[in-house]
Amino acid sequence: MRNEKKLFAIYKKGEHMGNQKSIDEIEAIEIYVIDSQFESFLCDVKFMEQYKAVVAIENLHFFKSKYINL
């Protein structure tokens, strides 16, 4: 099984925060938290439980451009 990256929509408390490309939901959340400069909270279970990730849907979570390769 190949680990191909997918685009995930990241939610915090039900609000769409952004998108992250990753191989799975957990890694997508971790990368998003690190990129948001909250790396010190990665081991904080209550903090991390606020985040959810779902596979991003075109025209809902992102708009595909002919100039950008997603």
N, C-alpha and C. Protein backbone atom coordinates (compact mmCIF):
# COMPACT_ATOMS: atom_id res chain seq x y z
N MET A 1 0.84 -1.20 0.00
CA MET A 1 0.00 0.00 0.00
C MET A 1 0.88 1.25 0.00
N ARG A 2 0.64 2.10 -0.95
CA ARG A 2 1.43 3.33 -1.05
C ARG A 2 0.83 4.40 -0.15
N ASN A 3 1.72 5.18 0.42
CA ASN A 3 1.28 6.28 1.27
C ASN A 3 1.25 7.57 0.46
N GLU A 4 0.20 7.74 -0.32
CA GLU A 4 0.06 8.95 -1.12
C GLU A 4 -0.54 10.06 -0.27
N LYS A 5 -0.05 11.26 -0.49
CA LYS A 5 -0.57 12.39 0.26
C LYS A 5 -1.91 12.84 -0.30
N LYS A 6 -2.79 13.24 0.61
CA LYS A 6 -4.10 13.78 0.25
C LYS A 6 -4.20 15.17 0.88
N LEU A 7 -5.14 15.94 0.41
CA LEU A 7 -5.39 17.25 0.98
C LEU A 7 -6.50 17.11 2.03
N PHE A 8 -6.21 17.55 3.26
CA PHE A 8 -7.17 17.47 4.35
C PHE A 8 -7.60 18.87 4.78
N ALA A 9 -8.87 19.00 5.08
CA ALA A 9 -9.40 20.24 5.66
C ALA A 9 -9.24 20.11 7.18
N ILE A 10 -8.66 21.11 7.81
CA ILE A 10 -8.42 21.10 9.25
C ILE A 10 -9.49 21.96 9.92
N TYR A 11 -10.13 21.39 10.93
CA TYR A 11 -11.17 22.08 11.70
C TYR A 11 -10.74 22.19 13.16
N LYS A 12 -11.04 23.32 13.75
CA LYS A 12 -10.85 23.51 15.19
C LYS A 12 -12.19 23.96 15.76
N LYS A 13 -12.73 23.16 16.67
CA LYS A 13 -14.03 23.44 17.27
C LYS A 13 -15.10 23.67 16.20
N GLY A 14 -15.05 22.91 15.11
CA GLY A 14 -16.05 23.01 14.06
C GLY A 14 -15.81 24.09 13.03
N GLU A 15 -14.78 24.90 13.19
CA GLU A 15 -14.49 25.99 12.24
C GLU A 15 -13.34 25.58 11.32
N HIS A 16 -13.54 25.75 10.02
CA HIS A 16 -12.50 25.40 9.05
C HIS A 16 -11.34 26.38 9.20
N MET A 17 -10.17 25.83 9.56
CA MET A 17 -8.99 26.66 9.81
C MET A 17 -8.08 26.75 8.59
N GLY A 18 -8.09 25.71 7.77
CA GLY A 18 -7.21 25.69 6.62
C GLY A 18 -7.08 24.28 6.09
N ASN A 19 -6.14 24.08 5.18
CA ASN A 19 -5.93 22.78 4.56
C ASN A 19 -4.48 22.36 4.75
N GLN A 20 -4.27 21.04 4.77
CA GLN A 20 -2.92 20.51 4.93
C GLN A 20 -2.78 19.24 4.12
N LYS A 21 -1.70 19.12 3.38
CA LYS A 21 -1.44 17.93 2.59
C LYS A 21 -0.67 16.93 3.46
N SER A 22 -1.14 15.68 3.49
CA SER A 22 -0.53 14.67 4.36
C SER A 22 -0.99 13.28 3.93
N ILE A 23 -0.41 12.25 4.58
CA ILE A 23 -0.80 10.88 4.26
C ILE A 23 -2.02 10.43 5.07
N ASP A 24 -2.27 11.06 6.23
CA ASP A 24 -3.46 10.71 7.02
C ASP A 24 -3.90 11.89 7.89
N GLU A 25 -5.06 11.72 8.54
CA GLU A 25 -5.66 12.81 9.32
C GLU A 25 -4.78 13.24 10.50
N ILE A 26 -4.21 12.28 11.20
CA ILE A 26 -3.40 12.60 12.38
C ILE A 26 -2.18 13.41 12.00
N GLU A 27 -1.47 12.96 10.97
CA GLU A 27 -0.29 13.70 10.52
C GLU A 27 -0.66 15.09 10.02
N ALA A 28 -1.80 15.20 9.33
CA ALA A 28 -2.24 16.51 8.83
C ALA A 28 -2.45 17.49 9.98
N ILE A 29 -3.09 17.03 11.05
CA ILE A 29 -3.32 17.89 12.21
C ILE A 29 -1.98 18.27 12.85
N GLU A 30 -1.09 17.30 13.02
CA GLU A 30 0.21 17.58 13.64
C GLU A 30 0.99 18.60 12.83
N ILE A 31 1.03 18.44 11.51
CA ILE A 31 1.75 19.39 10.66
C ILE A 31 1.11 20.78 10.76
N TYR A 32 -0.22 20.82 10.74
CA TYR A 32 -0.92 22.11 10.84
C TYR A 32 -0.58 22.81 12.16
N VAL A 33 -0.59 22.06 13.27
CA VAL A 33 -0.30 22.64 14.58
C VAL A 33 1.15 23.15 14.63
N ILE A 34 2.08 22.38 14.08
CA ILE A 34 3.48 22.82 14.04
C ILE A 34 3.62 24.07 13.18
N ASP A 35 2.99 24.08 12.01
CA ASP A 35 3.06 25.25 11.12
C ASP A 35 2.43 26.49 11.75
N SER A 36 1.48 26.26 12.66
CA SER A 36 0.82 27.38 13.36
C SER A 36 1.62 27.83 14.58
N GLN A 37 2.80 27.27 14.75
CA GLN A 37 3.73 27.59 15.83
C GLN A 37 3.18 27.22 17.21
N PHE A 38 2.43 26.11 17.27
CA PHE A 38 1.94 25.58 18.54
C PHE A 38 2.57 24.22 18.82
N GLU A 39 3.78 24.00 18.34
CA GLU A 39 4.45 22.71 18.48
C GLU A 39 4.54 22.26 19.94
N SER A 40 4.67 23.18 20.86
CA SER A 40 4.79 22.81 22.27
C SER A 40 3.51 22.19 22.83
N PHE A 41 2.39 22.29 22.08
CA PHE A 41 1.11 21.73 22.53
C PHE A 41 0.81 20.35 21.92
N LEU A 42 1.75 19.79 21.14
CA LEU A 42 1.51 18.50 20.48
C LEU A 42 1.18 17.38 21.48
N CYS A 43 1.71 17.44 22.68
CA CYS A 43 1.46 16.40 23.69
C CYS A 43 0.30 16.75 24.60
N ASP A 44 -0.32 17.90 24.40
CA ASP A 44 -1.46 18.32 25.21
C ASP A 44 -2.74 17.74 24.61
N VAL A 45 -3.25 16.69 25.24
CA VAL A 45 -4.40 15.96 24.70
C VAL A 45 -5.62 16.87 24.54
N LYS A 46 -5.92 17.69 25.52
CA LYS A 46 -7.09 18.58 25.44
C LYS A 46 -6.96 19.56 24.28
N PHE A 47 -5.76 20.08 24.07
CA PHE A 47 -5.53 21.01 22.97
C PHE A 47 -5.72 20.30 21.63
N MET A 48 -5.11 19.12 21.48
CA MET A 48 -5.16 18.39 20.21
C MET A 48 -6.56 17.86 19.90
N GLU A 49 -7.36 17.57 20.93
CA GLU A 49 -8.72 17.08 20.71
C GLU A 49 -9.64 18.12 20.07
N GLN A 50 -9.23 19.38 20.10
CA GLN A 50 -10.02 20.45 19.48
C GLN A 50 -9.98 20.37 17.96
N TYR A 51 -8.98 19.67 17.42
CA TYR A 51 -8.76 19.61 15.98
C TYR A 51 -9.31 18.33 15.37
N LYS A 52 -9.87 18.46 14.19
CA LYS A 52 -10.35 17.34 13.40
C LYS A 52 -9.88 17.56 11.96
N ALA A 53 -9.71 16.48 11.22
CA ALA A 53 -9.32 16.58 9.81
C ALA A 53 -10.21 15.67 8.98
N VAL A 54 -10.64 16.18 7.84
CA VAL A 54 -11.41 15.40 6.87
C VAL A 54 -10.80 15.63 5.49
N VAL A 55 -10.99 14.67 4.60
CA VAL A 55 -10.48 14.85 3.24
C VAL A 55 -11.15 16.09 2.65
N ALA A 56 -10.33 16.99 2.13
CA ALA A 56 -10.84 18.25 1.57
C ALA A 56 -11.64 17.99 0.30
N ILE A 57 -12.72 18.73 0.15
CA ILE A 57 -13.61 18.60 -1.00
C ILE A 57 -13.48 19.84 -1.88
N GLU A 58 -13.23 19.58 -3.17
CA GLU A 58 -13.08 20.69 -4.12
C GLU A 58 -14.36 21.52 -4.15
N ASN A 59 -14.21 22.83 -4.22
CA ASN A 59 -15.27 23.84 -4.24
C ASN A 59 -15.96 24.02 -2.89
N LEU A 60 -15.52 23.28 -1.88
CA LEU A 60 -16.00 23.49 -0.52
C LEU A 60 -14.85 23.95 0.36
N HIS A 61 -13.76 23.18 0.35
CA HIS A 61 -12.59 23.52 1.16
C HIS A 61 -11.50 24.21 0.35
N PHE A 62 -11.54 24.05 -0.97
CA PHE A 62 -10.54 24.68 -1.83
C PHE A 62 -11.12 24.82 -3.24
N PHE A 63 -10.55 25.73 -3.98
CA PHE A 63 -10.94 25.93 -5.37
C PHE A 63 -9.73 25.65 -6.24
N LYS A 64 -9.88 24.75 -7.16
CA LYS A 64 -8.78 24.34 -8.01
C LYS A 64 -8.54 25.40 -9.09
N SER A 65 -7.30 25.74 -9.25
CA SER A 65 -6.90 26.71 -10.26
C SER A 65 -6.09 26.01 -11.32
N LYS A 66 -6.18 26.46 -12.54
CA LYS A 66 -5.37 25.86 -13.59
C LYS A 66 -3.89 26.20 -13.40
N TYR A 67 -3.60 27.14 -12.50
CA TYR A 67 -2.22 27.56 -12.26
C TYR A 67 -1.59 26.87 -11.07
N ILE A 68 -2.38 26.17 -10.27
CA ILE A 68 -1.86 25.53 -9.06
C ILE A 68 -2.10 24.03 -9.16
N ASN A 69 -1.05 23.26 -8.93
CA ASN A 69 -1.16 21.81 -8.98
C ASN A 69 -1.36 21.28 -7.56
N LEU A 70 -2.57 20.79 -7.25
CA LEU A 70 -2.83 20.22 -5.93
C LEU A 70 -2.72 18.74 -6.02
